[in-house]
Amino acid sequence: MQKKWLFFAFLTATASIVHVVESWIFRAVPIPFLKLGLANIVLLYLVLQKEIIAAYAVCIFKAIIGGLATFTLLSPTILLSLGGGIAAVSAMSLGLIMRPRFSAIGISILGAIAHNIAQLWIAKYAVIKSDSVFVLTPILILFGLISGMLTAGIYLYLMGKIPGLKAKK
């Protein structure tokens, strides 16, 4: 049991580091709200391992640690990160339950699109408070499709390369 908790702590640290590094890299991108969400590789792994509670926990801790590291803990960014992450884990989990034959790519795309849609709703009700945010919907759905495929591709690559990360049957 202790080994399992240590592994979850390692996954939390990994997701947090990737989240922070990615936020630093994407600050240079002219479209500030676009990120690939590479830290969600960890959430995808946990959901596909049917460790749903752990996926939610890693998601929450990743947002908090990321907020502390990037000095955005008390800003609207934390709401967007938490809300998007929780929506992603929820969508991936529901997708896995409702369609157990979905591939990792399908599950990842569900999570990425849910993440983006949730962030639009949070922006509408808690940040910008305007329907104008929904103009971004087609762009964010397309970006979710692309980032979901990329995230799943990296996940599948890592599953084949890192011993001990074999998927549960």
N, C-alpha and C. Protein backbone atom coordinates (compact mmCIF):
# COMPACT_ATOMS: atom_id res chain seq x y z
N MET A 1 0.83 -1.19 0.00
CA MET A 1 0.00 0.00 0.00
C MET A 1 0.87 1.26 0.00
N GLN A 2 1.95 1.23 0.81
CA GLN A 2 2.83 2.40 0.88
C GLN A 2 3.50 2.64 -0.47
N LYS A 3 3.84 1.56 -1.16
CA LYS A 3 4.47 1.67 -2.48
C LYS A 3 3.52 2.36 -3.47
N LYS A 4 2.23 2.04 -3.36
CA LYS A 4 1.23 2.64 -4.23
C LYS A 4 1.13 4.15 -3.98
N TRP A 5 1.13 4.56 -2.71
CA TRP A 5 1.05 5.99 -2.37
C TRP A 5 2.30 6.73 -2.83
N LEU A 6 3.45 6.09 -2.71
CA LEU A 6 4.68 6.70 -3.21
C LEU A 6 4.62 6.89 -4.73
N PHE A 7 4.06 5.92 -5.41
CA PHE A 7 3.92 6.02 -6.86
C PHE A 7 2.97 7.16 -7.22
N PHE A 8 1.86 7.30 -6.49
CA PHE A 8 0.93 8.41 -6.74
C PHE A 8 1.60 9.75 -6.46
N ALA A 9 2.44 9.80 -5.43
CA ALA A 9 3.18 11.04 -5.13
C ALA A 9 4.15 11.36 -6.26
N PHE A 10 4.80 10.34 -6.78
CA PHE A 10 5.70 10.53 -7.93
C PHE A 10 4.92 11.06 -9.14
N LEU A 11 3.75 10.48 -9.40
CA LEU A 11 2.94 10.93 -10.53
C LEU A 11 2.46 12.37 -10.33
N THR A 12 2.13 12.73 -9.08
CA THR A 12 1.72 14.10 -8.78
C THR A 12 2.87 15.06 -9.04
N ALA A 13 4.06 14.70 -8.58
CA ALA A 13 5.23 15.55 -8.81
C ALA A 13 5.52 15.68 -10.30
N THR A 14 5.43 14.57 -11.02
CA THR A 14 5.68 14.60 -12.47
C THR A 14 4.69 15.51 -13.17
N ALA A 15 3.40 15.33 -12.87
CA ALA A 15 2.37 16.16 -13.50
C ALA A 15 2.57 17.63 -13.16
N SER A 16 2.93 17.92 -11.92
CA SER A 16 3.13 19.30 -11.48
C SER A 16 4.30 19.95 -12.21
N ILE A 17 5.39 19.22 -12.33
CA ILE A 17 6.58 19.76 -13.02
C ILE A 17 6.27 20.02 -14.49
N VAL A 18 5.63 19.07 -15.14
CA VAL A 18 5.28 19.26 -16.56
C VAL A 18 4.33 20.45 -16.71
N HIS A 19 3.36 20.56 -15.81
CA HIS A 19 2.40 21.67 -15.82
C HIS A 19 3.12 23.02 -15.72
N VAL A 20 4.05 23.13 -14.80
CA VAL A 20 4.78 24.39 -14.58
C VAL A 20 5.68 24.71 -15.77
N VAL A 21 6.44 23.72 -16.23
CA VAL A 21 7.35 23.95 -17.36
C VAL A 21 6.55 24.35 -18.61
N GLU A 22 5.45 23.66 -18.83
CA GLU A 22 4.62 23.99 -19.99
C GLU A 22 4.04 25.40 -19.88
N SER A 23 3.66 25.81 -18.68
CA SER A 23 3.13 27.17 -18.53
C SER A 23 4.20 28.22 -18.81
N TRP A 24 5.44 27.93 -18.45
CA TRP A 24 6.54 28.86 -18.75
C TRP A 24 6.80 28.92 -20.25
N ILE A 25 6.80 27.78 -20.90
CA ILE A 25 7.06 27.73 -22.34
C ILE A 25 5.97 28.46 -23.11
N PHE A 26 4.72 28.21 -22.76
CA PHE A 26 3.62 28.77 -23.53
C PHE A 26 3.32 30.23 -23.20
N ARG A 27 4.04 30.82 -22.27
CA ARG A 27 3.91 32.27 -22.06
C ARG A 27 4.46 33.04 -23.25
N ALA A 28 5.35 32.43 -24.01
CA ALA A 28 5.94 33.08 -25.18
C ALA A 28 5.04 32.97 -26.41
N VAL A 29 4.01 32.13 -26.35
CA VAL A 29 3.10 31.95 -27.48
C VAL A 29 2.14 33.14 -27.53
N PRO A 30 1.89 33.69 -28.72
CA PRO A 30 1.04 34.88 -28.82
C PRO A 30 -0.42 34.65 -28.43
N ILE A 31 -0.86 33.40 -28.36
CA ILE A 31 -2.24 33.11 -27.94
C ILE A 31 -2.15 32.55 -26.52
N PRO A 32 -2.40 33.39 -25.51
CA PRO A 32 -2.07 33.02 -24.13
C PRO A 32 -2.87 31.86 -23.54
N PHE A 33 -4.03 31.56 -24.07
CA PHE A 33 -4.86 30.53 -23.45
C PHE A 33 -4.62 29.14 -24.02
N LEU A 34 -3.73 29.01 -24.99
CA LEU A 34 -3.46 27.70 -25.59
C LEU A 34 -2.27 27.02 -24.93
N LYS A 35 -2.51 25.82 -24.42
CA LYS A 35 -1.46 24.95 -23.90
C LYS A 35 -1.79 23.54 -24.36
N LEU A 36 -0.78 22.73 -24.52
CA LEU A 36 -1.02 21.36 -24.97
C LEU A 36 -1.61 20.48 -23.87
N GLY A 37 -1.36 20.79 -22.63
CA GLY A 37 -1.88 19.97 -21.54
C GLY A 37 -1.12 18.67 -21.38
N LEU A 38 0.19 18.73 -21.55
CA LEU A 38 0.99 17.51 -21.48
C LEU A 38 0.98 16.86 -20.10
N ALA A 39 0.72 17.63 -19.06
CA ALA A 39 0.62 17.04 -17.72
C ALA A 39 -0.56 16.08 -17.63
N ASN A 40 -1.50 16.21 -18.56
CA ASN A 40 -2.66 15.33 -18.55
C ASN A 40 -2.32 13.91 -19.00
N ILE A 41 -1.09 13.69 -19.45
CA ILE A 41 -0.63 12.33 -19.73
C ILE A 41 -0.74 11.49 -18.46
N VAL A 42 -0.40 12.09 -17.34
CA VAL A 42 -0.47 11.39 -16.05
C VAL A 42 -1.93 11.07 -15.71
N LEU A 43 -2.82 12.03 -15.93
CA LEU A 43 -4.24 11.79 -15.65
C LEU A 43 -4.80 10.70 -16.56
N LEU A 44 -4.41 10.73 -17.82
CA LEU A 44 -4.83 9.69 -18.77
C LEU A 44 -4.36 8.32 -18.29
N TYR A 45 -3.11 8.24 -17.87
CA TYR A 45 -2.57 6.98 -17.37
C TYR A 45 -3.41 6.47 -16.19
N LEU A 46 -3.69 7.35 -15.23
CA LEU A 46 -4.44 6.92 -14.05
C LEU A 46 -5.87 6.49 -14.40
N VAL A 47 -6.52 7.23 -15.28
CA VAL A 47 -7.88 6.86 -15.68
C VAL A 47 -7.87 5.50 -16.38
N LEU A 48 -6.93 5.30 -17.28
CA LEU A 48 -6.87 4.03 -18.00
C LEU A 48 -6.46 2.87 -17.09
N GLN A 49 -5.83 3.18 -15.96
CA GLN A 49 -5.51 2.16 -14.96
C GLN A 49 -6.68 1.95 -14.00
N LYS A 50 -7.76 2.69 -14.25
CA LYS A 50 -8.97 2.67 -13.41
C LYS A 50 -8.69 3.15 -11.98
N GLU A 51 -7.75 4.06 -11.86
CA GLU A 51 -7.41 4.72 -10.59
C GLU A 51 -8.04 6.12 -10.61
N ILE A 52 -9.37 6.14 -10.64
CA ILE A 52 -10.10 7.40 -10.85
C ILE A 52 -9.91 8.36 -9.69
N ILE A 53 -10.01 7.88 -8.46
CA ILE A 53 -9.84 8.76 -7.29
C ILE A 53 -8.43 9.36 -7.30
N ALA A 54 -7.45 8.54 -7.62
CA ALA A 54 -6.07 9.04 -7.71
C ALA A 54 -5.95 10.09 -8.81
N ALA A 55 -6.65 9.89 -9.92
CA ALA A 55 -6.61 10.86 -11.02
C ALA A 55 -7.16 12.21 -10.56
N TYR A 56 -8.27 12.19 -9.83
CA TYR A 56 -8.82 13.44 -9.28
C TYR A 56 -7.84 14.09 -8.30
N ALA A 57 -7.25 13.28 -7.44
CA ALA A 57 -6.30 13.82 -6.45
C ALA A 57 -5.09 14.44 -7.14
N VAL A 58 -4.52 13.75 -8.11
CA VAL A 58 -3.37 14.29 -8.84
C VAL A 58 -3.76 15.58 -9.55
N CYS A 59 -4.94 15.59 -10.13
CA CYS A 59 -5.44 16.79 -10.82
C CYS A 59 -5.50 17.98 -9.87
N ILE A 60 -6.05 17.78 -8.70
CA ILE A 60 -6.19 18.87 -7.72
C ILE A 60 -4.83 19.32 -7.21
N PHE A 61 -3.99 18.37 -6.83
CA PHE A 61 -2.66 18.74 -6.32
C PHE A 61 -1.81 19.40 -7.40
N LYS A 62 -1.93 18.92 -8.64
CA LYS A 62 -1.19 19.53 -9.76
C LYS A 62 -1.57 21.00 -9.92
N ALA A 63 -2.85 21.29 -9.83
CA ALA A 63 -3.31 22.68 -9.97
C ALA A 63 -2.81 23.55 -8.82
N ILE A 64 -2.85 23.01 -7.61
CA ILE A 64 -2.40 23.78 -6.44
C ILE A 64 -0.89 24.00 -6.49
N ILE A 65 -0.14 22.94 -6.73
CA ILE A 65 1.32 23.06 -6.80
C ILE A 65 1.71 23.97 -7.96
N GLY A 66 1.06 23.79 -9.10
CA GLY A 66 1.33 24.65 -10.25
C GLY A 66 1.00 26.11 -9.95
N GLY A 67 -0.10 26.34 -9.23
CA GLY A 67 -0.46 27.70 -8.83
C GLY A 67 0.56 28.32 -7.91
N LEU A 68 1.07 27.53 -6.98
CA LEU A 68 2.12 28.03 -6.08
C LEU A 68 3.41 28.35 -6.85
N ALA A 69 3.80 27.45 -7.74
CA ALA A 69 5.06 27.61 -8.47
C ALA A 69 5.03 28.76 -9.49
N THR A 70 3.84 29.06 -10.02
CA THR A 70 3.74 30.12 -11.02
C THR A 70 3.10 31.39 -10.46
N PHE A 71 2.90 31.42 -9.15
CA PHE A 71 2.33 32.58 -8.47
C PHE A 71 0.93 32.94 -8.99
N THR A 72 0.15 31.93 -9.32
CA THR A 72 -1.21 32.15 -9.80
C THR A 72 -2.26 31.49 -8.90
N LEU A 73 -1.83 31.08 -7.70
CA LEU A 73 -2.74 30.34 -6.82
C LEU A 73 -3.98 31.14 -6.45
N LEU A 74 -3.85 32.44 -6.28
CA LEU A 74 -4.98 33.26 -5.87
C LEU A 74 -5.56 34.05 -7.04
N SER A 75 -5.36 33.55 -8.24
CA SER A 75 -5.88 34.23 -9.43
C SER A 75 -6.95 33.35 -10.10
N PRO A 76 -7.66 33.90 -11.07
CA PRO A 76 -8.65 33.09 -11.79
C PRO A 76 -8.04 31.88 -12.50
N THR A 77 -6.74 31.91 -12.73
CA THR A 77 -6.07 30.80 -13.41
C THR A 77 -6.28 29.49 -12.66
N ILE A 78 -6.29 29.55 -11.34
CA ILE A 78 -6.47 28.32 -10.55
C ILE A 78 -7.86 27.73 -10.78
N LEU A 79 -8.86 28.60 -10.91
CA LEU A 79 -10.22 28.11 -11.20
C LEU A 79 -10.27 27.42 -12.56
N LEU A 80 -9.61 28.04 -13.54
CA LEU A 80 -9.59 27.45 -14.88
C LEU A 80 -8.85 26.12 -14.89
N SER A 81 -7.74 26.05 -14.17
CA SER A 81 -6.95 24.82 -14.11
C SER A 81 -7.72 23.71 -13.40
N LEU A 82 -8.26 24.03 -12.23
CA LEU A 82 -9.02 23.02 -11.47
C LEU A 82 -10.27 22.57 -12.22
N GLY A 83 -11.04 23.53 -12.69
CA GLY A 83 -12.29 23.19 -13.39
C GLY A 83 -12.05 22.38 -14.65
N GLY A 84 -11.06 22.81 -15.43
CA GLY A 84 -10.74 22.08 -16.65
C GLY A 84 -10.23 20.68 -16.35
N GLY A 85 -9.37 20.57 -15.36
CA GLY A 85 -8.81 19.27 -15.00
C GLY A 85 -9.86 18.30 -14.47
N ILE A 86 -10.73 18.80 -13.61
CA ILE A 86 -11.80 17.94 -13.07
C ILE A 86 -12.75 17.51 -14.18
N ALA A 87 -13.07 18.44 -15.09
CA ALA A 87 -13.92 18.08 -16.23
C ALA A 87 -13.24 17.03 -17.10
N ALA A 88 -11.93 17.17 -17.30
CA ALA A 88 -11.20 16.21 -18.12
C ALA A 88 -11.21 14.81 -17.50
N VAL A 89 -10.91 14.73 -16.21
CA VAL A 89 -10.92 13.43 -15.53
C VAL A 89 -12.32 12.83 -15.57
N SER A 90 -13.33 13.66 -15.34
CA SER A 90 -14.72 13.17 -15.37
C SER A 90 -15.09 12.63 -16.74
N ALA A 91 -14.77 13.39 -17.79
CA ALA A 91 -15.11 12.95 -19.15
C ALA A 91 -14.35 11.68 -19.53
N MET A 92 -13.07 11.62 -19.19
CA MET A 92 -12.29 10.42 -19.52
C MET A 92 -12.84 9.21 -18.77
N SER A 93 -13.20 9.41 -17.50
CA SER A 93 -13.74 8.31 -16.69
C SER A 93 -15.08 7.83 -17.24
N LEU A 94 -15.96 8.78 -17.56
CA LEU A 94 -17.26 8.41 -18.13
C LEU A 94 -17.10 7.73 -19.48
N GLY A 95 -16.17 8.24 -20.28
CA GLY A 95 -15.91 7.61 -21.58
C GLY A 95 -15.43 6.18 -21.43
N LEU A 96 -14.59 5.95 -20.44
CA LEU A 96 -14.08 4.60 -20.19
C LEU A 96 -15.19 3.66 -19.72
N ILE A 97 -16.08 4.18 -18.88
CA ILE A 97 -17.18 3.37 -18.35
C ILE A 97 -18.22 3.09 -19.44
N MET A 98 -18.60 4.13 -20.18
CA MET A 98 -19.67 3.99 -21.17
C MET A 98 -19.21 3.27 -22.44
N ARG A 99 -17.97 3.47 -22.80
CA ARG A 99 -17.43 2.87 -24.02
C ARG A 99 -16.10 2.21 -23.70
N PRO A 100 -16.11 1.05 -23.03
CA PRO A 100 -14.85 0.44 -22.60
C PRO A 100 -13.90 0.11 -23.74
N ARG A 101 -14.38 0.12 -24.96
CA ARG A 101 -13.51 -0.19 -26.09
C ARG A 101 -12.89 1.06 -26.71
N PHE A 102 -13.18 2.22 -26.14
CA PHE A 102 -12.51 3.44 -26.61
C PHE A 102 -11.01 3.25 -26.46
N SER A 103 -10.28 3.72 -27.42
CA SER A 103 -8.82 3.66 -27.33
C SER A 103 -8.32 4.76 -26.41
N ALA A 104 -7.04 4.70 -26.10
CA ALA A 104 -6.43 5.76 -25.30
C ALA A 104 -6.57 7.10 -26.02
N ILE A 105 -6.52 7.07 -27.34
CA ILE A 105 -6.66 8.31 -28.11
C ILE A 105 -8.07 8.88 -27.95
N GLY A 106 -9.08 8.04 -28.06
CA GLY A 106 -10.46 8.50 -27.89
C GLY A 106 -10.71 9.06 -26.50
N ILE A 107 -10.22 8.37 -25.49
CA ILE A 107 -10.38 8.83 -24.10
C ILE A 107 -9.66 10.16 -23.90
N SER A 108 -8.47 10.28 -24.44
CA SER A 108 -7.68 11.50 -24.30
C SER A 108 -8.36 12.69 -24.99
N ILE A 109 -8.91 12.45 -26.17
CA ILE A 109 -9.62 13.52 -26.89
C ILE A 109 -10.83 13.97 -26.09
N LEU A 110 -11.58 13.02 -25.53
CA LEU A 110 -12.73 13.39 -24.68
C LEU A 110 -12.28 14.31 -23.55
N GLY A 111 -11.21 13.94 -22.89
CA GLY A 111 -10.70 14.73 -21.77
C GLY A 111 -10.25 16.12 -22.20
N ALA A 112 -9.54 16.20 -23.32
CA ALA A 112 -9.03 17.49 -23.78
C ALA A 112 -10.16 18.43 -24.17
N ILE A 113 -11.16 17.92 -24.87
CA ILE A 113 -12.28 18.77 -25.28
C ILE A 113 -13.09 19.18 -24.05
N ALA A 114 -13.34 18.25 -23.13
CA ALA A 114 -14.07 18.59 -21.90
C ALA A 114 -13.33 19.66 -21.11
N HIS A 115 -12.02 19.54 -21.04
CA HIS A 115 -11.18 20.51 -20.34
C HIS A 115 -11.40 21.91 -20.93
N ASN A 116 -11.34 22.01 -22.25
CA ASN A 116 -11.48 23.30 -22.91
C ASN A 116 -12.89 23.88 -22.76
N ILE A 117 -13.91 23.04 -22.90
CA ILE A 117 -15.29 23.51 -22.77
C ILE A 117 -15.56 23.97 -21.34
N ALA A 118 -15.07 23.22 -20.36
CA ALA A 118 -15.24 23.62 -18.96
C ALA A 118 -14.58 24.96 -18.70
N GLN A 119 -13.40 25.16 -19.26
CA GLN A 119 -12.72 26.44 -19.05
C GLN A 119 -13.50 27.60 -19.68
N LEU A 120 -14.15 27.37 -20.81
CA LEU A 120 -14.98 28.42 -21.40
C LEU A 120 -16.12 28.80 -20.46
N TRP A 121 -16.78 27.80 -19.89
CA TRP A 121 -17.88 28.08 -18.97
C TRP A 121 -17.39 28.78 -17.71
N ILE A 122 -16.26 28.36 -17.20
CA ILE A 122 -15.70 29.03 -16.01
C ILE A 122 -15.33 30.47 -16.35
N ALA A 123 -14.74 30.68 -17.51
CA ALA A 123 -14.40 32.04 -17.93
C ALA A 123 -15.66 32.89 -18.05
N LYS A 124 -16.72 32.30 -18.59
CA LYS A 124 -17.97 33.05 -18.75
C LYS A 124 -18.58 33.45 -17.41
N TYR A 125 -18.58 32.55 -16.44
CA TYR A 125 -19.26 32.82 -15.18
C TYR A 125 -18.37 33.36 -14.07
N ALA A 126 -17.06 33.15 -14.14
CA ALA A 126 -16.21 33.56 -13.02
C ALA A 126 -15.11 34.55 -13.39
N VAL A 127 -14.79 34.68 -14.65
CA VAL A 127 -13.65 35.52 -15.02
C VAL A 127 -14.10 36.70 -15.87
N ILE A 128 -14.55 36.44 -17.08
CA ILE A 128 -14.89 37.50 -18.02
C ILE A 128 -16.36 37.91 -17.88
N LYS A 129 -17.19 36.97 -17.53
CA LYS A 129 -18.63 37.19 -17.35
C LYS A 129 -19.28 37.75 -18.60
N SER A 130 -18.95 37.14 -19.72
CA SER A 130 -19.50 37.56 -21.01
C SER A 130 -19.64 36.35 -21.91
N ASP A 131 -20.70 36.35 -22.72
CA ASP A 131 -20.90 35.28 -23.68
C ASP A 131 -19.87 35.31 -24.81
N SER A 132 -19.13 36.38 -24.91
CA SER A 132 -18.16 36.52 -26.00
C SER A 132 -17.09 35.43 -25.96
N VAL A 133 -16.86 34.82 -24.80
CA VAL A 133 -15.85 33.76 -24.73
C VAL A 133 -16.20 32.58 -25.63
N PHE A 134 -17.49 32.39 -25.90
CA PHE A 134 -17.90 31.24 -26.69
C PHE A 134 -17.54 31.36 -28.16
N VAL A 135 -17.05 32.52 -28.58
CA VAL A 135 -16.52 32.68 -29.93
C VAL A 135 -15.33 31.73 -30.13
N LEU A 136 -14.65 31.43 -29.03
CA LEU A 136 -13.47 30.56 -29.09
C LEU A 136 -13.80 29.07 -29.17
N THR A 137 -15.07 28.71 -29.03
CA THR A 137 -15.46 27.30 -28.96
C THR A 137 -14.91 26.46 -30.12
N PRO A 138 -15.10 26.84 -31.38
CA PRO A 138 -14.58 25.99 -32.47
C PRO A 138 -13.06 25.82 -32.42
N ILE A 139 -12.37 26.90 -32.10
CA ILE A 139 -10.91 26.84 -32.02
C ILE A 139 -10.48 25.89 -30.91
N LEU A 140 -11.14 26.00 -29.75
CA LEU A 140 -10.75 25.17 -28.62
C LEU A 140 -11.14 23.71 -28.81
N ILE A 141 -12.22 23.45 -29.52
CA ILE A 141 -12.57 22.06 -29.81
C ILE A 141 -11.53 21.46 -30.75
N LEU A 142 -11.16 22.20 -31.78
CA LEU A 142 -10.12 21.73 -32.70
C LEU A 142 -8.80 21.53 -31.97
N PHE A 143 -8.44 22.49 -31.13
CA PHE A 143 -7.19 22.37 -30.37
C PHE A 143 -7.27 21.19 -29.40
N GLY A 144 -8.43 20.96 -28.80
CA GLY A 144 -8.61 19.80 -27.92
C GLY A 144 -8.43 18.49 -28.67
N LEU A 145 -8.93 18.44 -29.89
CA LEU A 145 -8.77 17.25 -30.73
C LEU A 145 -7.28 16.99 -30.99
N ILE A 146 -6.57 18.04 -31.36
CA ILE A 146 -5.14 17.91 -31.66
C ILE A 146 -4.34 17.57 -30.41
N SER A 147 -4.57 18.31 -29.33
CA SER A 147 -3.79 18.06 -28.10
C SER A 147 -4.15 16.72 -27.48
N GLY A 148 -5.42 16.30 -27.61
CA GLY A 148 -5.81 14.98 -27.12
C GLY A 148 -5.09 13.86 -27.85
N MET A 149 -4.96 14.01 -29.17
CA MET A 149 -4.23 13.00 -29.95
C MET A 149 -2.74 13.00 -29.59
N LEU A 150 -2.17 14.19 -29.44
CA LEU A 150 -0.75 14.29 -29.09
C LEU A 150 -0.48 13.70 -27.70
N THR A 151 -1.32 14.05 -26.74
CA THR A 151 -1.18 13.53 -25.38
C THR A 151 -1.26 12.00 -25.37
N ALA A 152 -2.25 11.46 -26.09
CA ALA A 152 -2.40 10.00 -26.15
C ALA A 152 -1.22 9.36 -26.87
N GLY A 153 -0.72 10.01 -27.90
CA GLY A 153 0.44 9.48 -28.62
C GLY A 153 1.66 9.38 -27.71
N ILE A 154 1.88 10.42 -26.92
CA ILE A 154 3.01 10.39 -25.98
C ILE A 154 2.77 9.33 -24.91
N TYR A 155 1.54 9.23 -24.42
CA TYR A 155 1.19 8.20 -23.43
C TYR A 155 1.51 6.81 -23.99
N LEU A 156 1.06 6.53 -25.21
CA LEU A 156 1.29 5.22 -25.81
C LEU A 156 2.78 4.95 -26.02
N TYR A 157 3.52 5.96 -26.41
CA TYR A 157 4.97 5.82 -26.57
C TYR A 157 5.61 5.47 -25.23
N LEU A 158 5.25 6.21 -24.19
CA LEU A 158 5.84 5.97 -22.86
C LEU A 158 5.46 4.59 -22.32
N MET A 159 4.24 4.15 -22.58
CA MET A 159 3.82 2.83 -22.11
C MET A 159 4.69 1.73 -22.71
N GLY A 160 5.16 1.94 -23.92
CA GLY A 160 6.02 0.95 -24.55
C GLY A 160 7.48 1.06 -24.15
N LYS A 161 7.88 2.19 -23.59
CA LYS A 161 9.30 2.43 -23.31
C LYS A 161 9.68 2.34 -21.83
N ILE A 162 8.73 2.57 -20.94
CA ILE A 162 9.06 2.60 -19.51
C ILE A 162 8.60 1.30 -18.86
N PRO A 163 9.55 0.47 -18.42
CA PRO A 163 9.18 -0.78 -17.76
C PRO A 163 8.41 -0.49 -16.47
N GLY A 164 7.44 -1.30 -16.19
CA GLY A 164 6.68 -1.14 -14.96
C GLY A 164 5.43 -0.30 -15.13
N LEU A 165 5.22 0.29 -16.30
CA LEU A 165 4.01 1.09 -16.53
C LEU A 165 3.00 0.33 -17.37
N LYS A 166 3.08 -0.95 -17.37
CA LYS A 166 2.19 -1.74 -18.19
C LYS A 166 0.74 -1.51 -17.78
N ALA A 167 -0.11 -1.45 -18.77
CA ALA A 167 -1.54 -1.21 -18.52
C ALA A 167 -2.18 -2.44 -17.91
N LYS A 168 -3.19 -2.18 -17.06
CA LYS A 168 -3.98 -3.28 -16.51
C LYS A 168 -4.83 -3.86 -17.63
N LYS A 169 -5.03 -5.13 -17.57
CA LYS A 169 -5.86 -5.80 -18.60
C LYS A 169 -7.30 -5.78 -18.17
